[in-house]
Amino acid sequence: MGGKRVAVIGAGVSGLSSIKCCLDEGLEPTCFERSGDIGGLWRFEVGPSFSQS
């Protein structure tokens, strides 16, 4: 790329939006996420107290 490098902390909805904006502006974002998944609070797992039909 060759643009300025930018650190984005977290791959939740705000982090993903920030990455998109950086790319649109020709910047080089690097995302740091502590979990193995993206999505932040939008990501959830069905726990044992919930049932799926």
N, C-alpha and C. Protein backbone atom coordinates (compact mmCIF):
# COMPACT_ATOMS: atom_id res chain seq x y z
N MET A 1 0.81 -1.19 0.00
CA MET A 1 0.00 0.00 0.00
C MET A 1 0.86 1.26 0.00
N GLY A 2 1.66 1.47 1.03
CA GLY A 2 2.50 2.65 1.06
C GLY A 2 1.91 3.84 1.79
N GLY A 3 0.67 3.74 2.27
CA GLY A 3 0.06 4.84 3.01
C GLY A 3 0.53 4.85 4.45
N LYS A 4 0.04 5.82 5.21
CA LYS A 4 0.36 5.87 6.63
C LYS A 4 -0.27 4.67 7.33
N ARG A 5 0.44 4.16 8.31
CA ARG A 5 -0.05 3.02 9.07
C ARG A 5 -0.89 3.50 10.25
N VAL A 6 -1.99 2.81 10.51
CA VAL A 6 -2.93 3.16 11.57
C VAL A 6 -3.25 1.91 12.37
N ALA A 7 -3.25 2.02 13.70
CA ALA A 7 -3.65 0.91 14.57
C ALA A 7 -5.12 1.07 14.94
N VAL A 8 -5.88 0.02 14.77
CA VAL A 8 -7.29 -0.01 15.17
C VAL A 8 -7.39 -1.05 16.28
N ILE A 9 -7.89 -0.63 17.44
CA ILE A 9 -8.01 -1.52 18.59
C ILE A 9 -9.44 -2.05 18.65
N GLY A 10 -9.59 -3.34 18.43
CA GLY A 10 -10.89 -3.98 18.51
C GLY A 10 -11.53 -4.15 17.14
N ALA A 11 -12.13 -5.32 16.93
CA ALA A 11 -12.78 -5.64 15.66
C ALA A 11 -14.29 -5.73 15.83
N GLY A 12 -14.82 -4.85 16.68
CA GLY A 12 -16.27 -4.74 16.80
C GLY A 12 -16.80 -3.86 15.68
N VAL A 13 -18.05 -3.44 15.80
CA VAL A 13 -18.66 -2.65 14.73
C VAL A 13 -17.90 -1.34 14.49
N SER A 14 -17.45 -0.68 15.54
CA SER A 14 -16.71 0.58 15.37
C SER A 14 -15.34 0.34 14.77
N GLY A 15 -14.67 -0.70 15.21
CA GLY A 15 -13.35 -1.01 14.67
C GLY A 15 -13.42 -1.37 13.19
N LEU A 16 -14.41 -2.17 12.81
CA LEU A 16 -14.56 -2.55 11.41
C LEU A 16 -14.90 -1.34 10.55
N SER A 17 -15.74 -0.45 11.07
CA SER A 17 -16.06 0.78 10.35
C SER A 17 -14.82 1.66 10.19
N SER A 18 -14.01 1.72 11.24
CA SER A 18 -12.78 2.50 11.18
C SER A 18 -11.82 1.94 10.14
N ILE A 19 -11.73 0.63 10.07
CA ILE A 19 -10.86 0.00 9.07
C ILE A 19 -11.33 0.37 7.66
N LYS A 20 -12.63 0.31 7.43
CA LYS A 20 -13.17 0.67 6.11
C LYS A 20 -12.85 2.11 5.76
N CYS A 21 -13.03 3.02 6.70
CA CYS A 21 -12.74 4.43 6.46
C CYS A 21 -11.25 4.64 6.17
N CYS A 22 -10.40 3.96 6.91
CA CYS A 22 -8.95 4.07 6.68
C CYS A 22 -8.60 3.61 5.27
N LEU A 23 -9.16 2.48 4.86
CA LEU A 23 -8.88 1.97 3.52
C LEU A 23 -9.37 2.93 2.44
N ASP A 24 -10.55 3.52 2.67
CA ASP A 24 -11.09 4.49 1.72
C ASP A 24 -10.19 5.72 1.57
N GLU A 25 -9.48 6.06 2.64
CA GLU A 25 -8.60 7.23 2.64
C GLU A 25 -7.17 6.90 2.23
N GLY A 26 -6.92 5.65 1.87
CA GLY A 26 -5.58 5.25 1.43
C GLY A 26 -4.61 4.97 2.57
N LEU A 27 -5.14 4.78 3.77
CA LEU A 27 -4.30 4.46 4.92
C LEU A 27 -4.12 2.94 5.02
N GLU A 28 -3.19 2.52 5.86
CA GLU A 28 -2.90 1.09 6.03
C GLU A 28 -3.25 0.67 7.46
N PRO A 29 -4.51 0.23 7.70
CA PRO A 29 -4.91 -0.13 9.06
C PRO A 29 -4.43 -1.53 9.46
N THR A 30 -4.09 -1.66 10.74
CA THR A 30 -3.81 -2.96 11.35
C THR A 30 -4.73 -3.07 12.55
N CYS A 31 -5.51 -4.15 12.60
CA CYS A 31 -6.48 -4.32 13.67
C CYS A 31 -5.92 -5.26 14.74
N PHE A 32 -6.08 -4.87 15.99
CA PHE A 32 -5.68 -5.69 17.13
C PHE A 32 -6.95 -6.10 17.87
N GLU A 33 -7.23 -7.40 17.91
CA GLU A 33 -8.43 -7.93 18.55
C GLU A 33 -8.00 -9.02 19.53
N ARG A 34 -8.48 -8.94 20.77
CA ARG A 34 -8.03 -9.91 21.78
C ARG A 34 -8.68 -11.28 21.62
N SER A 35 -9.86 -11.34 21.03
CA SER A 35 -10.48 -12.65 20.82
C SER A 35 -10.15 -13.14 19.42
N GLY A 36 -10.54 -14.35 19.13
CA GLY A 36 -10.27 -14.92 17.82
C GLY A 36 -11.31 -14.58 16.78
N ASP A 37 -12.33 -13.81 17.15
CA ASP A 37 -13.44 -13.52 16.25
C ASP A 37 -13.65 -12.02 16.09
N ILE A 38 -14.32 -11.67 15.02
CA ILE A 38 -14.69 -10.27 14.82
C ILE A 38 -16.17 -10.09 15.15
N GLY A 39 -16.59 -8.87 15.36
CA GLY A 39 -18.00 -8.59 15.59
C GLY A 39 -18.30 -7.95 16.93
N GLY A 40 -17.41 -8.08 17.89
CA GLY A 40 -17.62 -7.44 19.20
C GLY A 40 -18.92 -7.87 19.85
N LEU A 41 -19.72 -6.90 20.30
CA LEU A 41 -20.97 -7.20 20.98
C LEU A 41 -22.04 -7.76 20.05
N TRP A 42 -21.84 -7.63 18.75
CA TRP A 42 -22.79 -8.21 17.81
C TRP A 42 -22.64 -9.72 17.74
N ARG A 43 -21.51 -10.23 18.18
CA ARG A 43 -21.28 -11.68 18.15
C ARG A 43 -21.76 -12.27 19.47
N PHE A 44 -22.51 -13.31 19.39
CA PHE A 44 -22.97 -13.97 20.61
C PHE A 44 -23.07 -15.46 20.36
N GLU A 45 -23.10 -16.20 21.44
CA GLU A 45 -23.29 -17.64 21.36
C GLU A 45 -24.50 -18.01 22.19
N VAL A 46 -25.23 -18.98 21.72
CA VAL A 46 -26.39 -19.45 22.46
C VAL A 46 -25.89 -20.27 23.63
N GLY A 47 -26.28 -19.86 24.83
CA GLY A 47 -25.85 -20.55 26.04
C GLY A 47 -26.77 -21.70 26.39
N PRO A 48 -26.45 -22.41 27.46
CA PRO A 48 -27.25 -23.58 27.85
C PRO A 48 -28.67 -23.22 28.30
N SER A 49 -28.91 -21.96 28.69
CA SER A 49 -30.24 -21.58 29.15
C SER A 49 -31.17 -21.25 27.98
N PHE A 50 -30.65 -21.24 26.76
CA PHE A 50 -31.47 -20.97 25.59
C PHE A 50 -31.63 -22.25 24.79
N SER A 51 -32.77 -22.39 24.15
CA SER A 51 -32.98 -23.56 23.29
C SER A 51 -33.25 -23.07 21.87
N GLN A 52 -32.81 -23.86 20.92
CA GLN A 52 -33.06 -23.54 19.52
C GLN A 52 -34.13 -24.48 19.01
N SER A 53 -35.10 -23.94 18.30
CA SER A 53 -36.17 -24.78 17.76
C SER A 53 -35.84 -25.22 16.36
